[in-house]
Amino acid sequence: MNAAQLGAVVKTRRRELGLTQIETADLADISTRVLSDLENGRETIRLDILHAVANALGLSVGLSVQRP
């Protein structure tokens, strides 16, 4: 999953829950700018931030590590 796809999942889930970016950012204890960047695939997001957003939205995060 690339950054744009991840952002789309987060934005869709936030909207399904009827939350604003401000409400979601408050729940995840991050700034609205960071959330906006995540939702729009503009920036690589730290794992702790992704985990916080996922928890706020009732999502889970999985990680797969593969050799090239």
N, C-alpha and C. Protein backbone atom coordinates (compact mmCIF):
# COMPACT_ATOMS: atom_id res chain seq x y z
N MET A 1 0.86 -1.17 0.00
CA MET A 1 0.00 0.00 0.00
C MET A 1 0.90 1.23 0.00
N ASN A 2 0.65 2.14 -0.91
CA ASN A 2 1.44 3.37 -0.93
C ASN A 2 0.79 4.46 -0.09
N ALA A 3 1.44 5.60 0.00
CA ALA A 3 0.97 6.69 0.88
C ALA A 3 -0.40 7.20 0.46
N ALA A 4 -0.65 7.29 -0.84
CA ALA A 4 -1.95 7.78 -1.32
C ALA A 4 -3.07 6.81 -0.97
N GLN A 5 -2.81 5.52 -1.11
CA GLN A 5 -3.82 4.50 -0.77
C GLN A 5 -4.09 4.49 0.73
N LEU A 6 -3.04 4.59 1.52
CA LEU A 6 -3.20 4.64 2.97
C LEU A 6 -4.03 5.85 3.38
N GLY A 7 -3.71 6.98 2.80
CA GLY A 7 -4.46 8.20 3.10
C GLY A 7 -5.93 8.07 2.75
N ALA A 8 -6.22 7.44 1.62
CA ALA A 8 -7.61 7.25 1.21
C ALA A 8 -8.37 6.37 2.20
N VAL A 9 -7.71 5.34 2.71
CA VAL A 9 -8.35 4.46 3.70
C VAL A 9 -8.68 5.25 4.97
N VAL A 10 -7.72 6.04 5.43
CA VAL A 10 -7.91 6.83 6.64
C VAL A 10 -9.04 7.84 6.44
N LYS A 11 -9.02 8.56 5.34
CA LYS A 11 -10.05 9.57 5.07
C LYS A 11 -11.44 8.93 4.97
N THR A 12 -11.53 7.81 4.27
CA THR A 12 -12.81 7.12 4.12
C THR A 12 -13.35 6.67 5.48
N ARG A 13 -12.50 6.10 6.30
CA ARG A 13 -12.94 5.63 7.62
C ARG A 13 -13.37 6.80 8.50
N ARG A 14 -12.60 7.90 8.46
CA ARG A 14 -12.96 9.08 9.25
C ARG A 14 -14.34 9.57 8.86
N ARG A 15 -14.59 9.63 7.57
CA ARG A 15 -15.89 10.10 7.09
C ARG A 15 -17.01 9.13 7.43
N GLU A 16 -16.73 7.82 7.38
CA GLU A 16 -17.74 6.82 7.77
C GLU A 16 -18.17 7.02 9.21
N LEU A 17 -17.22 7.43 10.05
CA LEU A 17 -17.52 7.65 11.46
C LEU A 17 -18.11 9.03 11.73
N GLY A 18 -18.19 9.86 10.70
CA GLY A 18 -18.76 11.19 10.85
C GLY A 18 -17.88 12.14 11.63
N LEU A 19 -16.57 11.92 11.56
CA LEU A 19 -15.62 12.75 12.31
C LEU A 19 -14.99 13.80 11.40
N THR A 20 -14.72 14.96 11.95
CA THR A 20 -13.96 15.98 11.24
C THR A 20 -12.48 15.70 11.42
N GLN A 21 -11.67 16.39 10.63
CA GLN A 21 -10.22 16.26 10.82
C GLN A 21 -9.82 16.75 12.21
N ILE A 22 -10.45 17.80 12.68
CA ILE A 22 -10.12 18.34 14.00
C ILE A 22 -10.43 17.31 15.08
N GLU A 23 -11.61 16.70 15.02
CA GLU A 23 -11.98 15.70 16.01
C GLU A 23 -11.04 14.50 15.98
N THR A 24 -10.72 14.05 14.78
CA THR A 24 -9.83 12.89 14.64
C THR A 24 -8.44 13.21 15.14
N ALA A 25 -7.94 14.37 14.79
CA ALA A 25 -6.61 14.79 15.25
C ALA A 25 -6.58 14.86 16.77
N ASP A 26 -7.64 15.38 17.37
CA ASP A 26 -7.71 15.44 18.83
C ASP A 26 -7.70 14.05 19.44
N LEU A 27 -8.46 13.12 18.86
CA LEU A 27 -8.50 11.75 19.37
C LEU A 27 -7.13 11.06 19.27
N ALA A 28 -6.40 11.38 18.20
CA ALA A 28 -5.08 10.77 17.98
C ALA A 28 -3.95 11.57 18.63
N ASP A 29 -4.28 12.73 19.18
CA ASP A 29 -3.29 13.62 19.81
C ASP A 29 -2.19 14.03 18.82
N ILE A 30 -2.65 14.45 17.62
CA ILE A 30 -1.75 14.97 16.60
C ILE A 30 -2.33 16.27 16.06
N SER A 31 -1.57 16.97 15.24
CA SER A 31 -2.08 18.21 14.65
C SER A 31 -2.95 17.89 13.43
N THR A 32 -3.84 18.80 13.09
CA THR A 32 -4.67 18.62 11.91
C THR A 32 -3.80 18.64 10.65
N ARG A 33 -2.70 19.36 10.67
CA ARG A 33 -1.80 19.39 9.51
C ARG A 33 -1.22 18.01 9.24
N VAL A 34 -0.79 17.32 10.29
CA VAL A 34 -0.24 15.97 10.13
C VAL A 34 -1.31 15.03 9.60
N LEU A 35 -2.53 15.14 10.12
CA LEU A 35 -3.62 14.29 9.64
C LEU A 35 -3.93 14.59 8.18
N SER A 36 -3.98 15.85 7.83
CA SER A 36 -4.23 16.24 6.44
C SER A 36 -3.15 15.69 5.52
N ASP A 37 -1.90 15.80 5.94
CA ASP A 37 -0.79 15.27 5.14
C ASP A 37 -0.93 13.76 4.96
N LEU A 38 -1.33 13.07 6.02
CA LEU A 38 -1.53 11.62 5.94
C LEU A 38 -2.66 11.30 4.98
N GLU A 39 -3.80 11.96 5.14
CA GLU A 39 -4.96 11.68 4.29
C GLU A 39 -4.70 11.98 2.82
N ASN A 40 -3.84 12.91 2.54
CA ASN A 40 -3.57 13.31 1.16
C ASN A 40 -2.29 12.69 0.59
N GLY A 41 -1.68 11.80 1.35
CA GLY A 41 -0.51 11.08 0.87
C GLY A 41 0.69 11.97 0.58
N ARG A 42 0.77 13.11 1.27
CA ARG A 42 1.82 14.08 1.00
C ARG A 42 3.11 13.82 1.75
N GLU A 43 3.05 13.00 2.75
CA GLU A 43 4.22 12.88 3.62
C GLU A 43 4.30 11.47 4.19
N THR A 44 5.50 11.00 4.40
CA THR A 44 5.69 9.74 5.08
C THR A 44 5.40 9.96 6.56
N ILE A 45 4.58 9.12 7.14
CA ILE A 45 4.14 9.29 8.51
C ILE A 45 4.86 8.28 9.41
N ARG A 46 5.28 8.74 10.57
CA ARG A 46 5.91 7.85 11.55
C ARG A 46 4.92 6.78 11.99
N LEU A 47 5.46 5.62 12.33
CA LEU A 47 4.61 4.51 12.74
C LEU A 47 3.79 4.82 13.98
N ASP A 48 4.36 5.55 14.94
CA ASP A 48 3.60 5.87 16.15
C ASP A 48 2.40 6.76 15.83
N ILE A 49 2.56 7.65 14.87
CA ILE A 49 1.44 8.52 14.47
C ILE A 49 0.39 7.70 13.73
N LEU A 50 0.83 6.84 12.83
CA LEU A 50 -0.10 5.98 12.11
C LEU A 50 -0.88 5.10 13.09
N HIS A 51 -0.20 4.57 14.08
CA HIS A 51 -0.85 3.74 15.09
C HIS A 51 -1.89 4.55 15.87
N ALA A 52 -1.56 5.77 16.24
CA ALA A 52 -2.49 6.62 16.99
C ALA A 52 -3.74 6.93 16.16
N VAL A 53 -3.55 7.24 14.89
CA VAL A 53 -4.69 7.54 14.01
C VAL A 53 -5.54 6.28 13.82
N ALA A 54 -4.88 5.16 13.59
CA ALA A 54 -5.61 3.91 13.42
C ALA A 54 -6.45 3.59 14.66
N ASN A 55 -5.87 3.75 15.82
CA ASN A 55 -6.62 3.51 17.07
C ASN A 55 -7.80 4.45 17.20
N ALA A 56 -7.61 5.71 16.86
CA ALA A 56 -8.69 6.69 16.95
C ALA A 56 -9.84 6.33 16.03
N LEU A 57 -9.53 5.67 14.92
CA LEU A 57 -10.55 5.34 13.93
C LEU A 57 -11.01 3.88 13.99
N GLY A 58 -10.50 3.13 14.97
CA GLY A 58 -10.90 1.74 15.10
C GLY A 58 -10.32 0.85 14.01
N LEU A 59 -9.17 1.23 13.49
CA LEU A 59 -8.48 0.44 12.47
C LEU A 59 -7.30 -0.28 13.09
N SER A 60 -6.81 -1.30 12.41
CA SER A 60 -5.60 -1.97 12.86
C SER A 60 -4.52 -1.78 11.81
N VAL A 61 -3.28 -1.84 12.25
CA VAL A 61 -2.14 -1.66 11.37
C VAL A 61 -1.34 -2.95 11.36
N GLY A 62 -1.05 -3.44 10.17
CA GLY A 62 -0.22 -4.63 10.02
C GLY A 62 1.05 -4.24 9.29
N LEU A 63 2.11 -4.95 9.55
CA LEU A 63 3.40 -4.65 8.94
C LEU A 63 3.97 -5.91 8.34
N SER A 64 4.43 -5.80 7.12
CA SER A 64 5.05 -6.93 6.45
C SER A 64 6.44 -6.51 5.99
N VAL A 65 7.44 -7.30 6.33
CA VAL A 65 8.80 -7.01 5.93
C VAL A 65 9.25 -8.11 4.98
N GLN A 66 9.74 -7.70 3.81
CA GLN A 66 10.16 -8.67 2.81
C GLN A 66 11.56 -8.33 2.30
N ARG A 67 12.25 -9.34 1.92
CA ARG A 67 13.57 -9.14 1.31
C ARG A 67 13.37 -8.71 -0.14
N PRO A 68 14.23 -7.83 -0.64
CA PRO A 68 14.11 -7.41 -2.04
C PRO A 68 14.42 -8.54 -3.01
